[in-house]
N, C-alpha and C. Protein backbone atom coordinates (compact mmCIF):
# COMPACT_ATOMS: atom_id res chain seq x y z
N MET A 1 13.37 8.04 -18.93
CA MET A 1 12.70 6.25 -18.32
C MET A 1 12.52 6.84 -17.46
N THR A 2 11.37 6.24 -16.73
CA THR A 2 10.77 6.30 -15.69
C THR A 2 10.80 3.74 -14.92
N ILE A 3 11.27 4.11 -14.03
CA ILE A 3 11.06 2.13 -14.08
C ILE A 3 11.37 1.83 -12.72
N LEU A 4 10.65 0.53 -12.34
CA LEU A 4 9.50 0.31 -11.32
C LEU A 4 10.39 -1.36 -10.94
N VAL A 5 11.49 -0.90 -9.61
CA VAL A 5 12.04 -2.24 -9.31
C VAL A 5 11.00 -2.70 -7.86
N ALA A 6 10.15 -3.85 -8.50
CA ALA A 6 9.52 -4.79 -7.55
C ALA A 6 10.60 -5.44 -7.16
N GLY A 7 10.77 -4.68 -5.20
CA GLY A 7 11.40 -5.35 -4.36
C GLY A 7 12.91 -4.84 -4.72
N CYS A 8 13.24 -4.16 -3.06
CA CYS A 8 14.56 -3.74 -3.59
C CYS A 8 15.83 -4.22 -2.53
N GLY A 9 16.03 -6.54 -3.18
CA GLY A 9 16.64 -6.31 -1.76
C GLY A 9 18.25 -6.49 -2.69
N TRP A 10 19.23 -7.07 -1.93
CA TRP A 10 20.65 -6.65 -2.62
C TRP A 10 20.48 -7.26 -4.24
N LEU A 11 19.56 -7.59 -4.91
CA LEU A 11 19.52 -7.73 -6.31
C LEU A 11 19.23 -6.41 -7.24
N GLY A 12 17.75 -6.71 -6.17
CA GLY A 12 17.06 -4.80 -6.92
C GLY A 12 17.64 -3.67 -6.78
N ARG A 13 18.32 -3.64 -5.59
CA ARG A 13 19.39 -2.76 -4.94
C ARG A 13 20.32 -2.43 -6.79
N ALA A 14 20.96 -3.39 -6.67
CA ALA A 14 22.10 -3.38 -7.27
C ALA A 14 21.25 -3.06 -9.36
N VAL A 15 20.38 -3.50 -9.14
CA VAL A 15 20.01 -2.94 -10.68
C VAL A 15 19.71 -1.87 -10.54
N GLY A 16 18.43 -1.57 -9.48
CA GLY A 16 18.38 0.01 -9.53
C GLY A 16 19.52 1.04 -9.34
N VAL A 17 21.12 0.87 -8.76
CA VAL A 17 21.54 1.86 -8.47
C VAL A 17 22.60 1.60 -10.62
N ALA A 18 22.34 1.04 -11.49
CA ALA A 18 22.88 0.37 -12.49
C ALA A 18 22.26 1.25 -13.56
N LEU A 19 20.74 1.07 -13.33
CA LEU A 19 19.73 2.02 -13.41
C LEU A 19 19.98 3.35 -13.83
N VAL A 20 20.42 3.52 -12.33
CA VAL A 20 20.35 5.05 -12.35
C VAL A 20 21.57 5.72 -12.78
N ALA A 21 22.53 5.38 -13.29
CA ALA A 21 23.68 5.38 -13.29
C ALA A 21 23.50 5.51 -14.53
N ARG A 22 22.72 4.92 -15.71
CA ARG A 22 22.39 5.73 -16.79
C ARG A 22 22.07 6.31 -16.77
N GLY A 23 21.16 6.97 -16.02
CA GLY A 23 20.58 8.55 -16.28
C GLY A 23 18.42 8.60 -16.16
N ASP A 24 18.48 6.76 -15.82
CA ASP A 24 16.56 6.20 -15.62
C ASP A 24 16.36 6.70 -13.95
N ARG A 25 14.86 7.47 -14.20
CA ARG A 25 14.91 7.85 -12.49
C ARG A 25 13.96 6.30 -12.08
N VAL A 26 14.58 5.71 -10.94
CA VAL A 26 13.81 4.25 -10.65
C VAL A 26 13.39 4.74 -9.00
N VAL A 27 12.11 4.32 -9.62
CA VAL A 27 11.67 3.94 -7.63
C VAL A 27 11.40 2.69 -7.52
N GLY A 28 11.53 2.25 -6.64
CA GLY A 28 11.62 1.26 -5.89
C GLY A 28 11.07 0.37 -5.04
N VAL A 29 10.65 -0.25 -4.82
CA VAL A 29 9.60 -1.22 -3.92
C VAL A 29 9.44 -1.67 -2.48
N THR A 30 10.05 -1.20 -1.86
CA THR A 30 10.65 -1.66 -0.87
C THR A 30 9.83 -2.02 1.32
N ARG A 31 9.82 -3.03 1.63
CA ARG A 31 8.09 -3.20 2.49
C ARG A 31 9.16 -3.06 3.77
N SER A 32 10.82 -2.31 4.15
CA SER A 32 11.82 -1.57 4.64
C SER A 32 11.94 -0.59 5.21
N GLY A 33 11.76 0.12 6.85
CA GLY A 33 11.95 1.64 6.18
C GLY A 33 13.98 1.74 6.25
N ALA A 34 14.14 0.71 6.89
CA ALA A 34 16.11 0.98 6.37
C ALA A 34 16.66 0.26 5.46
N ASN A 35 15.45 -0.09 4.49
CA ASN A 35 15.96 -0.50 3.65
C ASN A 35 15.65 0.97 2.08
N ALA A 36 14.97 1.42 2.66
CA ALA A 36 14.38 2.14 1.92
C ALA A 36 15.38 4.00 2.21
N GLY A 37 16.72 3.81 3.90
CA GLY A 37 17.61 5.20 3.68
C GLY A 37 18.81 4.04 2.37
N THR A 38 18.45 2.82 2.69
CA THR A 38 19.77 2.75 1.85
C THR A 38 19.44 3.40 0.49
N MET A 39 17.58 3.15 0.36
CA MET A 39 17.92 3.63 -1.51
C MET A 39 18.15 4.49 -2.03
N GLU A 40 17.48 5.63 -0.38
CA GLU A 40 17.88 7.59 -1.22
C GLU A 40 18.65 7.57 -1.13
N GLY A 41 19.41 6.91 -0.12
CA GLY A 41 21.50 7.17 -0.45
C GLY A 41 21.39 6.91 -2.06
N ARG A 42 21.39 5.56 -2.73
CA ARG A 42 21.94 5.28 -4.60
C ARG A 42 21.40 5.73 -5.38
N GLY A 43 20.23 6.71 -4.80
CA GLY A 43 19.48 7.73 -6.34
C GLY A 43 17.92 7.19 -6.65
N ILE A 44 17.61 5.91 -6.23
CA ILE A 44 15.84 5.25 -5.95
C ILE A 44 16.01 5.84 -5.61
N GLU A 45 14.03 6.14 -5.73
CA GLU A 45 13.07 7.02 -4.95
C GLU A 45 12.20 5.56 -5.07
N PRO A 46 12.52 5.65 -3.60
CA PRO A 46 11.52 4.04 -1.95
C PRO A 46 10.53 4.36 -1.95
N HIS A 47 9.66 3.43 -1.98
CA HIS A 47 7.51 3.48 -2.32
C HIS A 47 7.78 2.50 -1.58
N ARG A 48 7.26 2.13 -0.14
CA ARG A 48 7.18 1.67 1.22
C ARG A 48 5.89 0.75 0.90
N CYS A 49 5.86 -0.69 0.53
CA CYS A 49 4.67 -0.89 0.15
C CYS A 49 4.64 -2.33 0.17
N ASP A 50 3.67 -3.37 0.34
CA ASP A 50 4.02 -5.05 0.32
C ASP A 50 3.04 -5.34 -0.52
N LEU A 51 3.59 -5.57 -1.16
CA LEU A 51 3.29 -6.20 -2.76
C LEU A 51 2.02 -7.20 -2.41
N ASN A 52 1.47 -7.49 -1.42
CA ASN A 52 0.80 -8.68 -1.30
C ASN A 52 -0.68 -8.41 -0.64
N ASP A 53 -0.63 -7.06 -0.06
CA ASP A 53 -1.58 -5.72 0.25
C ASP A 53 -2.60 -5.41 -0.50
N PRO A 54 -3.54 -4.93 -1.16
CA PRO A 54 -4.00 -4.54 -2.11
C PRO A 54 -3.97 -3.23 -2.21
N SER A 55 -4.44 -2.44 -0.93
CA SER A 55 -4.02 -1.71 -0.68
C SER A 55 -2.85 -0.93 -0.97
N ASP A 56 -1.89 -1.23 -0.68
CA ASP A 56 -0.60 -0.88 -0.83
C ASP A 56 -1.19 -0.71 -2.03
N LEU A 57 -1.11 -2.17 -3.36
CA LEU A 57 -1.08 -2.19 -4.60
C LEU A 57 -1.34 -0.91 -4.97
N ALA A 58 -2.61 -0.08 -4.73
CA ALA A 58 -3.76 1.01 -5.43
C ALA A 58 -2.64 1.96 -4.96
N ARG A 59 -1.20 2.13 -4.16
CA ARG A 59 -0.69 3.54 -3.80
C ARG A 59 0.78 3.57 -4.83
N LEU A 60 -0.11 2.25 -5.83
CA LEU A 60 2.13 2.48 -6.96
C LEU A 60 1.89 3.61 -7.70
N PRO A 61 2.82 4.27 -7.93
CA PRO A 61 2.92 5.30 -9.54
C PRO A 61 1.60 5.17 -10.60
N ALA A 62 1.19 5.86 -10.60
CA ALA A 62 0.04 6.17 -10.82
C ALA A 62 0.61 6.37 -11.98
N ASP A 63 1.83 5.56 -12.92
CA ASP A 63 2.88 5.60 -14.34
C ASP A 63 2.19 4.94 -14.45
N ASP A 64 2.81 4.73 -16.15
CA ASP A 64 3.07 2.68 -16.48
C ASP A 64 3.78 1.79 -15.94
N ALA A 65 4.71 1.96 -15.31
CA ALA A 65 5.96 1.36 -14.03
C ALA A 65 4.17 0.49 -13.00
N GLY A 66 4.08 1.65 -12.47
CA GLY A 66 2.81 1.56 -11.73
C GLY A 66 1.81 0.32 -12.30
N SER A 67 1.52 0.91 -13.30
CA SER A 67 0.08 0.44 -13.69
C SER A 67 0.69 -1.43 -14.22
N ALA A 68 1.33 -1.67 -14.94
CA ALA A 68 1.88 -2.69 -15.52
C ALA A 68 2.75 -4.19 -14.03
N VAL A 69 2.93 -3.01 -13.23
CA VAL A 69 3.13 -4.11 -12.42
C VAL A 69 1.69 -5.02 -10.51
N ARG A 70 0.55 -3.86 -11.21
CA ARG A 70 -0.71 -3.96 -10.92
C ARG A 70 -1.51 -4.85 -11.72
N GLN A 71 -1.28 -4.94 -12.99
CA GLN A 71 -2.14 -5.97 -14.10
C GLN A 71 -1.23 -7.38 -13.73
N ARG A 72 -0.13 -6.90 -13.80
CA ARG A 72 0.51 -8.30 -13.60
C ARG A 72 -0.07 -9.17 -12.77
N LEU A 73 0.05 -8.11 -11.19
CA LEU A 73 -0.50 -9.30 -10.35
C LEU A 73 -1.86 -9.53 -9.94
N ASN A 74 -2.72 -8.99 -10.16
CA ASN A 74 -3.97 -8.86 -10.59
C ASN A 74 -4.51 -9.91 -11.99
N GLN A 75 -3.43 -10.34 -12.20
CA GLN A 75 -4.49 -11.31 -13.34
C GLN A 75 -3.06 -12.77 -12.34
N GLY A 76 -1.94 -12.34 -11.62
CA GLY A 76 -1.26 -14.03 -11.33
C GLY A 76 -2.14 -14.83 -10.30
N PRO A 77 -1.59 -16.02 -10.31
CA PRO A 77 -2.07 -17.82 -9.96
C PRO A 77 -2.99 -17.24 -8.52
N ALA A 78 -2.58 -16.29 -8.54
CA ALA A 78 -3.34 -16.06 -6.34
C ALA A 78 -4.10 -15.14 -6.78
N ALA A 79 -3.88 -14.40 -8.38
CA ALA A 79 -5.48 -13.05 -8.08
C ALA A 79 -7.16 -13.27 -7.38
N GLY A 80 -6.65 -12.53 -7.16
CA GLY A 80 -8.30 -12.53 -5.77
C GLY A 80 -8.64 -13.06 -4.60
N ALA A 81 -7.41 -14.07 -4.86
CA ALA A 81 -7.05 -15.65 -3.44
C ALA A 81 -7.18 -13.87 -1.96
N ALA A 82 -7.53 -15.26 -0.95
CA ALA A 82 -7.94 -14.38 0.21
C ALA A 82 -5.23 -14.04 0.75
N ARG A 83 -5.19 -13.55 0.46
CA ARG A 83 -3.32 -14.16 1.22
C ARG A 83 -3.05 -13.42 2.59
């Protein structure tokens, strides 16, 4: 299964590592290049993205996980608002 972890700080990385260990493909969202390197070393595929930037959201993986995140963020309380 492919799982997208939207926000791979210390907690998201720990969850991602556990998911990788059970055999899942994990794509982790991060804004940090340094964090991307750490994620790769732990088996998580980094995806550099700012979830507050609509152009970045368009680049999320084109699978079910990426689609679900885009849909949820577009329905949130600030959907359509300038950020």
